[in-house]
Amino acid sequence: MSSPLWFLLVFAALMAATCLITWVHLLWPLAVVRQVVLIRFGLGGPAMLGWINLAACWMVPSCLGIA
């Protein structure tokens, strides 16, 4: 019963960050994803960068929706 509820926490966090995201720029999460992938896979960076990419990947569709 509680398994689908995790999405509501992510959705609430993204909606709370909407003003901050639009104030900074709508494409910055996409730039973060691109840089992390470049460093992690192109330059052999640490696997811990994947957690940064996870958060940024959730923000990309949210920013596209805001735009």
Protein backbone atom coordinates (compact mmCIF):
# COMPACT_ATOMS: atom_id res chain seq x y z
CA MET A 1 0.00 0.00 0.00
CA SER A 2 2.82 2.45 0.74
CA SER A 3 4.95 1.65 -2.32
CA PRO A 4 3.40 4.20 -4.69
CA LEU A 5 3.54 6.96 -2.07
CA TRP A 6 7.26 7.67 -2.52
CA PHE A 7 6.45 9.59 -5.69
CA LEU A 8 4.38 12.08 -3.73
CA LEU A 9 7.44 13.09 -1.71
CA VAL A 10 9.47 13.64 -4.87
CA PHE A 11 6.59 15.57 -6.45
CA ALA A 12 6.20 17.76 -3.35
CA ALA A 13 9.93 18.53 -3.30
CA LEU A 14 9.90 19.47 -6.99
CA MET A 15 6.87 21.69 -6.57
CA ALA A 16 8.49 23.39 -3.58
CA ALA A 17 11.59 24.06 -5.68
CA THR A 18 9.65 25.48 -8.64
CA CYS A 19 10.29 29.14 -7.78
CA LEU A 20 13.99 28.48 -7.22
CA ILE A 21 14.30 26.56 -10.49
CA THR A 22 12.60 29.28 -12.52
CA TRP A 23 14.64 31.98 -10.82
CA VAL A 24 17.98 30.34 -11.61
CA HIS A 25 17.27 29.03 -15.11
CA LEU A 26 15.05 26.36 -16.58
CA LEU A 27 17.85 24.46 -18.30
CA TRP A 28 20.35 24.16 -15.43
CA PRO A 29 19.29 20.61 -14.43
CA LEU A 30 19.88 19.49 -18.02
CA ALA A 31 23.35 21.05 -17.92
CA VAL A 32 24.06 19.28 -14.62
CA VAL A 33 23.04 15.91 -16.10
CA ARG A 34 25.26 16.50 -19.11
CA GLN A 35 28.29 17.46 -17.02
CA VAL A 36 27.91 14.56 -14.59
CA VAL A 37 27.62 12.04 -17.43
CA LEU A 38 30.67 13.56 -19.10
CA ILE A 39 32.76 13.41 -15.93
CA ARG A 40 31.52 10.01 -14.77
CA PHE A 41 31.68 8.08 -18.02
CA GLY A 42 33.94 10.15 -20.24
CA LEU A 43 36.67 10.90 -17.72
CA GLY A 44 36.21 7.89 -15.44
CA GLY A 45 34.86 9.76 -12.44
CA PRO A 46 33.56 8.17 -9.25
CA ALA A 47 30.26 6.29 -9.17
CA MET A 48 28.95 8.55 -6.37
CA LEU A 49 28.23 11.20 -8.99
CA GLY A 50 25.25 9.08 -9.98
CA TRP A 51 23.33 10.40 -6.96
CA ILE A 52 23.71 13.96 -8.21
CA ASN A 53 22.51 12.82 -11.60
CA LEU A 54 19.49 11.10 -10.06
CA ALA A 55 18.25 14.34 -8.49
CA ALA A 56 18.95 16.36 -11.63
CA CYS A 57 17.20 13.81 -13.85
CA TRP A 58 14.05 14.18 -11.78
CA MET A 59 14.20 17.95 -12.27
CA VAL A 60 14.55 17.90 -16.07
CA PRO A 61 10.92 16.87 -16.83
CA SER A 62 9.72 19.21 -14.11
CA CYS A 63 11.56 22.13 -15.70
CA LEU A 64 10.23 21.23 -19.12
CA GLY A 65 6.72 21.26 -17.68
CA ILE A 66 7.30 24.65 -16.08
CA ALA A 67 8.62 26.06 -19.33
